[in-house]
N, C-alpha and C. Protein backbone atom coordinates (compact mmCIF):
# COMPACT_ATOMS: atom_id res chain seq x y z
N MET A 1 137.53 -96.82 225.73
CA MET A 1 136.66 -97.42 224.51
C MET A 1 138.10 -98.18 224.65
N ARG A 2 137.66 -99.36 223.66
CA ARG A 2 138.50 -100.20 222.77
C ARG A 2 137.99 -100.24 221.30
N TYR A 3 138.83 -99.74 220.69
CA TYR A 3 138.44 -99.94 219.06
C TYR A 3 139.46 -101.09 218.43
N THR A 4 139.05 -101.28 217.34
CA THR A 4 140.15 -101.78 216.30
C THR A 4 141.33 -100.92 215.99
N PRO A 5 141.88 -101.17 216.65
CA PRO A 5 143.43 -100.62 215.80
C PRO A 5 143.00 -99.92 214.05
N GLY A 6 144.04 -98.47 214.61
CA GLY A 6 143.60 -98.43 212.72
C GLY A 6 145.49 -98.70 212.55
N PRO A 7 145.48 -97.77 211.06
CA PRO A 7 145.22 -97.70 210.26
C PRO A 7 143.30 -98.42 209.32
N TRP A 8 142.33 -97.66 209.35
CA TRP A 8 141.35 -98.19 208.59
C TRP A 8 141.53 -98.26 207.20
N ARG A 9 140.93 -99.18 205.85
CA ARG A 9 141.11 -99.00 204.91
C ARG A 9 139.72 -99.66 204.63
N MET A 10 138.26 -98.81 203.86
CA MET A 10 137.23 -99.90 202.99
C MET A 10 137.70 -99.62 201.61
N LYS A 11 137.01 -100.46 201.34
CA LYS A 11 137.31 -100.92 200.07
C LYS A 11 135.86 -100.72 199.09
N SER A 12 136.27 -100.52 197.99
CA SER A 12 135.07 -100.54 196.74
C SER A 12 134.32 -101.26 197.73
N ASN A 13 134.38 -102.50 197.77
CA ASN A 13 133.36 -103.67 197.66
C ASN A 13 132.21 -103.25 199.22
N GLY A 14 132.82 -102.35 199.76
CA GLY A 14 132.68 -102.12 200.74
C GLY A 14 133.21 -103.15 202.34
N GLU A 15 133.72 -103.12 202.16
CA GLU A 15 134.48 -104.39 203.14
C GLU A 15 135.50 -102.92 203.96
N LEU A 16 135.74 -102.95 204.94
CA LEU A 16 136.23 -102.33 205.78
C LEU A 16 137.88 -103.25 206.49
N TRP A 17 138.35 -102.61 206.38
CA TRP A 17 139.67 -103.48 206.67
C TRP A 17 140.83 -102.57 207.73
N SER A 18 141.33 -103.58 208.90
CA SER A 18 142.19 -102.71 209.48
C SER A 18 144.06 -103.41 209.18
N TYR A 19 145.08 -102.34 208.93
CA TYR A 19 145.89 -101.92 209.22
C TYR A 19 146.72 -102.11 210.09
N PRO A 20 146.50 -102.88 211.45
CA PRO A 20 147.28 -102.08 212.96
C PRO A 20 149.11 -101.94 211.62
N ARG A 21 149.84 -100.89 212.85
CA ARG A 21 151.08 -100.63 212.62
C ARG A 21 152.01 -101.83 212.96
N GLY A 22 152.64 -102.98 212.39
CA GLY A 22 153.17 -103.98 212.87
C GLY A 22 152.68 -104.90 212.70
N GLY A 23 151.51 -104.99 213.00
CA GLY A 23 150.17 -106.02 212.56
C GLY A 23 149.68 -107.19 210.99
N ALA A 24 149.04 -108.11 211.42
CA ALA A 24 148.25 -108.31 210.39
C ALA A 24 147.46 -107.48 209.39
N PRO A 25 146.82 -107.51 208.56
CA PRO A 25 145.70 -106.58 208.09
C PRO A 25 144.89 -108.13 208.00
N SER A 26 143.66 -107.34 208.28
CA SER A 26 142.06 -108.38 208.90
C SER A 26 141.38 -107.66 209.41
N GLN A 27 139.89 -108.04 208.25
CA GLN A 27 139.17 -107.67 207.68
C GLN A 27 137.92 -107.36 209.26
N ILE A 28 137.35 -106.04 209.62
CA ILE A 28 136.68 -106.09 210.73
C ILE A 28 135.24 -105.41 210.23
N GLY A 29 134.45 -105.55 208.72
CA GLY A 29 133.55 -105.17 209.08
C GLY A 29 132.81 -105.13 207.82
N GLN A 30 131.67 -104.84 206.97
CA GLN A 30 131.43 -104.72 205.53
C GLN A 30 130.55 -103.63 206.12
N MET A 31 130.38 -102.86 204.87
CA MET A 31 129.09 -101.64 204.85
C MET A 31 128.81 -102.60 203.91
N TYR A 32 127.66 -101.84 204.52
CA TYR A 32 126.16 -101.73 202.86
C TYR A 32 125.38 -100.09 202.96
N TRP A 33 125.76 -99.57 201.83
CA TRP A 33 125.09 -97.86 201.23
C TRP A 33 123.96 -97.82 200.94
N SER A 34 122.95 -97.16 201.23
CA SER A 34 122.33 -96.50 201.01
C SER A 34 122.61 -95.08 200.74
N GLY A 35 121.29 -94.19 200.23
CA GLY A 35 121.72 -92.61 199.72
C GLY A 35 122.00 -92.34 198.01
N LYS A 36 122.58 -91.88 198.55
CA LYS A 36 123.72 -91.40 196.85
C LYS A 36 124.56 -91.55 196.34
N ASN A 37 124.92 -92.00 194.97
CA ASN A 37 126.37 -92.83 194.67
C ASN A 37 127.15 -91.80 195.26
N GLU A 38 127.41 -90.41 194.52
CA GLU A 38 128.28 -89.69 194.78
C GLU A 38 128.51 -89.54 196.20
N ASP A 39 127.44 -89.66 197.45
CA ASP A 39 128.03 -89.48 198.87
C ASP A 39 128.83 -90.85 199.68
N ARG A 40 128.57 -91.68 198.47
CA ARG A 40 129.42 -92.81 199.46
C ARG A 40 130.34 -92.61 199.64
N ALA A 41 131.49 -92.08 198.26
CA ALA A 41 132.89 -92.24 198.57
C ALA A 41 133.65 -91.46 199.45
N GLY A 42 132.71 -90.32 200.05
CA GLY A 42 132.40 -89.56 200.88
C GLY A 42 132.15 -89.98 202.63
N ASN A 43 132.06 -90.53 202.94
CA ASN A 43 131.28 -91.56 203.54
C ASN A 43 132.43 -92.50 204.40
N ALA A 44 132.04 -93.54 203.26
CA ALA A 44 133.77 -94.32 203.04
C ALA A 44 134.69 -94.06 203.75
N ARG A 45 135.27 -92.52 202.93
CA ARG A 45 136.21 -92.66 203.35
C ARG A 45 136.81 -91.86 205.21
N LEU A 46 135.15 -91.51 205.79
CA LEU A 46 134.92 -90.91 207.30
C LEU A 46 134.67 -91.85 207.86
N VAL A 47 134.47 -93.01 207.65
CA VAL A 47 134.07 -94.49 208.67
C VAL A 47 136.09 -95.43 208.31
N SER A 48 136.44 -95.01 207.45
CA SER A 48 137.82 -95.51 207.44
C SER A 48 139.22 -94.46 208.24
N PHE A 49 139.14 -93.48 208.35
CA PHE A 49 139.75 -92.45 209.05
C PHE A 49 139.24 -92.11 210.26
N SER A 50 138.41 -92.19 210.25
CA SER A 50 138.21 -92.05 212.46
C SER A 50 138.58 -93.12 212.94
N ALA A 51 138.98 -94.09 212.69
CA ALA A 51 140.24 -94.49 214.68
C ALA A 51 141.21 -93.35 214.15
N ASP A 52 142.08 -92.86 213.00
CA ASP A 52 142.96 -92.00 213.10
C ASP A 52 142.89 -90.31 212.85
N LEU A 53 141.72 -90.17 212.99
CA LEU A 53 141.06 -88.79 213.42
C LEU A 53 140.94 -89.36 215.52
N SER A 54 140.65 -89.59 215.42
CA SER A 54 140.10 -90.23 217.29
C SER A 54 141.49 -90.07 217.63
N GLU A 55 142.59 -90.88 217.25
CA GLU A 55 143.61 -91.11 218.24
C GLU A 55 144.44 -89.38 217.72
N GLY A 56 144.76 -88.79 216.58
CA GLY A 56 145.10 -87.45 216.72
C GLY A 56 144.54 -86.21 217.28
N LEU A 57 142.86 -86.59 217.18
CA LEU A 57 142.71 -85.52 218.24
C LEU A 57 143.06 -86.02 219.74
N GLU A 58 142.78 -87.38 220.47
CA GLU A 58 143.60 -88.06 221.42
C GLU A 58 145.12 -87.03 222.22
N GLU A 59 145.67 -86.88 220.80
CA GLU A 59 147.28 -87.18 221.38
C GLU A 59 146.84 -84.98 221.60
N LEU A 60 146.53 -84.85 220.39
CA LEU A 60 146.25 -83.21 220.75
C LEU A 60 146.24 -82.63 222.10
N TYR A 61 144.73 -83.49 222.66
CA TYR A 61 143.97 -82.75 223.74
C TYR A 61 145.52 -83.21 225.11
N GLN A 62 146.15 -84.52 224.56
CA GLN A 62 146.84 -84.73 225.29
C GLN A 62 148.47 -82.86 224.98
N LEU A 63 148.71 -83.46 224.61
CA LEU A 63 150.03 -82.07 224.12
C LEU A 63 148.96 -80.47 225.04
N VAL A 64 147.43 -80.20 224.47
CA VAL A 64 147.37 -78.88 224.97
C VAL A 64 146.93 -79.01 226.73
N SER A 65 147.20 -80.02 227.26
CA SER A 65 146.80 -80.32 228.76
C SER A 65 148.14 -80.52 229.46
N GLN A 66 149.13 -80.15 228.30
CA GLN A 66 150.31 -80.19 229.80
C GLN A 66 150.69 -79.02 229.94
N PRO A 67 151.17 -78.95 231.29
CA PRO A 67 151.11 -77.80 232.18
C PRO A 67 151.66 -76.50 231.48
N ASN A 68 153.44 -76.87 230.91
CA ASN A 68 153.25 -75.50 230.56
C ASN A 68 152.94 -75.69 229.05
N VAL A 69 151.71 -76.31 227.87
CA VAL A 69 151.02 -76.08 227.60
C VAL A 69 149.72 -75.01 227.09
N ALA A 70 149.30 -76.18 228.77
CA ALA A 70 148.06 -74.97 229.26
C ALA A 70 148.20 -73.55 229.58
N ALA A 71 149.48 -73.68 229.96
CA ALA A 71 149.83 -72.36 230.78
C ALA A 71 150.28 -70.99 229.71
N ALA A 72 150.71 -71.44 228.26
CA ALA A 72 151.06 -70.47 227.54
C ALA A 72 149.77 -70.15 226.60
N ILE A 73 148.83 -71.33 226.90
CA ILE A 73 147.30 -70.79 226.51
C ILE A 73 146.84 -69.75 226.92
N LYS A 74 146.82 -69.95 228.29
CA LYS A 74 146.01 -68.94 229.48
C LYS A 74 146.44 -67.69 229.19
N ALA A 75 148.13 -67.60 229.09
CA ALA A 75 148.35 -66.54 229.40
C ALA A 75 148.51 -65.38 227.71
N ASP A 76 147.81 -65.45 227.06
CA ASP A 76 148.15 -65.31 225.62
C ASP A 76 146.89 -65.17 225.83
N GLN A 77 145.95 -64.21 225.85
CA GLN A 77 144.21 -62.94 225.69
C GLN A 77 143.96 -63.30 224.03
N LYS A 78 144.71 -63.46 223.51
CA LYS A 78 144.41 -63.18 222.16
C LYS A 78 143.67 -64.11 221.32
N ILE A 79 144.48 -65.53 222.10
CA ILE A 79 144.08 -66.65 221.80
C ILE A 79 143.65 -67.89 222.37
N PHE A 80 143.44 -66.88 223.87
CA PHE A 80 143.00 -67.70 224.68
C PHE A 80 140.79 -68.25 224.55
N GLY A 81 140.41 -67.55 224.76
CA GLY A 81 138.37 -67.75 224.09
C GLY A 81 138.43 -67.90 223.01
N LYS A 82 139.33 -68.72 221.50
CA LYS A 82 138.92 -68.87 220.71
C LYS A 82 139.63 -70.55 221.37
N ALA A 83 140.88 -70.50 221.88
CA ALA A 83 141.25 -71.45 221.92
C ALA A 83 141.04 -72.73 222.90
N ARG A 84 139.71 -72.00 224.02
CA ARG A 84 138.79 -72.35 225.00
C ARG A 84 138.27 -73.77 224.74
N LEU A 85 137.50 -72.07 223.23
CA LEU A 85 136.21 -72.90 222.37
C LEU A 85 136.77 -74.48 221.87
N ILE A 86 137.90 -74.27 221.22
CA ILE A 86 138.29 -75.60 220.84
C ILE A 86 138.37 -76.52 221.77
N ILE A 87 139.13 -75.89 222.58
CA ILE A 87 139.26 -77.49 223.31
C ILE A 87 137.93 -78.07 224.37
N GLU A 88 137.68 -77.14 224.43
CA GLU A 88 135.99 -77.76 224.53
C GLU A 88 135.14 -78.86 223.64
N ASN A 89 135.54 -78.30 222.29
CA ASN A 89 134.81 -79.01 221.63
C ASN A 89 135.56 -80.26 221.37
N ALA A 90 136.81 -80.70 221.36
CA ALA A 90 137.82 -81.96 221.85
C ALA A 90 137.09 -82.36 222.69
N ARG A 91 136.97 -82.38 223.53
CA ARG A 91 136.73 -82.66 225.01
C ARG A 91 135.60 -83.56 224.93
N ALA A 92 134.74 -82.50 224.49
CA ALA A 92 133.50 -83.31 223.92
C ALA A 92 132.96 -84.13 222.88
N THR A 93 133.83 -84.10 221.85
CA THR A 93 133.74 -85.37 221.06
C THR A 93 135.10 -86.61 221.82
N LEU A 94 136.21 -86.72 222.66
CA LEU A 94 136.05 -87.69 222.88
C LEU A 94 135.87 -88.21 224.05
N GLU A 95 134.67 -87.20 224.61
CA GLU A 95 133.99 -88.06 225.42
C GLU A 95 132.73 -88.86 224.98
N GLN A 96 132.84 -88.57 223.90
CA GLN A 96 132.00 -89.09 222.69
C GLN A 96 132.66 -91.21 222.36
N VAL A 97 133.46 -90.47 222.01
CA VAL A 97 134.14 -91.55 220.97
C VAL A 97 134.53 -92.37 222.32
N THR A 98 134.96 -92.31 223.77
CA THR A 98 135.47 -92.98 224.76
C THR A 98 134.56 -93.21 225.22
N GLY A 99 133.36 -93.25 225.18
CA GLY A 99 132.16 -92.68 226.51
C GLY A 99 132.59 -92.80 227.98
N GLU A 100 134.02 -92.34 227.91
CA GLU A 100 134.07 -91.46 229.61
C GLU A 100 133.79 -89.99 229.24
N LYS A 101 133.51 -89.41 230.68
CA LYS A 101 133.56 -87.94 231.38
C LYS A 101 135.43 -88.19 231.36
N LEU A 102 135.29 -86.56 231.25
CA LEU A 102 136.42 -86.16 231.34
C LEU A 102 136.96 -85.32 232.00
N PRO A 103 137.66 -84.97 233.16
CA PRO A 103 137.26 -83.78 233.24
C PRO A 103 137.64 -82.09 232.95
N ASP A 104 137.55 -81.22 233.49
CA ASP A 104 138.08 -79.81 232.30
C ASP A 104 139.09 -79.23 232.29
N TRP A 105 139.04 -78.92 230.95
CA TRP A 105 140.02 -78.73 230.84
C TRP A 105 140.93 -77.65 232.08
N PRO A 106 142.53 -77.43 232.24
CA PRO A 106 143.55 -78.67 231.80
C PRO A 106 143.85 -79.55 232.50
N HIS A 107 142.90 -79.97 233.08
CA HIS A 107 143.30 -80.85 234.47
C HIS A 107 143.35 -82.56 234.34
N LEU A 108 143.60 -82.55 232.93
CA LEU A 108 143.96 -84.24 231.95
C LEU A 108 144.99 -84.52 232.64
N ASP A 109 144.59 -85.76 233.62
CA ASP A 109 146.36 -86.19 233.57
C ASP A 109 147.48 -87.12 232.46
N PRO A 110 148.28 -86.21 231.84
CA PRO A 110 149.08 -86.28 230.85
C PRO A 110 149.74 -87.32 230.28
N THR A 111 149.49 -88.08 231.58
CA THR A 111 150.45 -89.59 231.27
C THR A 111 149.36 -90.85 231.52
N LYS A 112 148.10 -90.46 230.88
CA LYS A 112 147.40 -91.28 230.66
C LYS A 112 146.50 -91.18 229.83
N LYS A 113 146.62 -92.28 229.17
CA LYS A 113 146.09 -92.12 227.49
C LYS A 113 144.23 -93.14 227.70
N LEU A 114 143.83 -91.42 226.57
CA LEU A 114 142.61 -92.03 227.11
C LEU A 114 141.75 -93.18 226.47
N SER A 115 142.25 -93.80 225.25
CA SER A 115 141.40 -94.85 224.41
C SER A 115 142.51 -95.84 224.63
N GLY A 116 141.67 -97.10 224.44
CA GLY A 116 142.15 -98.16 224.97
C GLY A 116 142.79 -98.64 225.51
């Protein structure tokens, strides 16, 4: 799945802008809010940081899928159960973001970028 590169920023008038690293800023959308005024700033932060969050989650998932990292996680019974739940939640979230089915952890090809 492709999306406009981040980081994104939301202006107070609802304009959503992309500030790609090494590129020129461009407006990518306009948000119109309903609901409580006190919720709007938080909602705007969620929207504007969604690209950064997705990219960070992808990088983390790729890291824990590296054979040596996966082996270390599996070998430590104190953390394995909780780590497995966290990793599976990350995989499910990335599937929603990318629109693609990902292999079960840790069978991700660490050389393949998930988005873009």
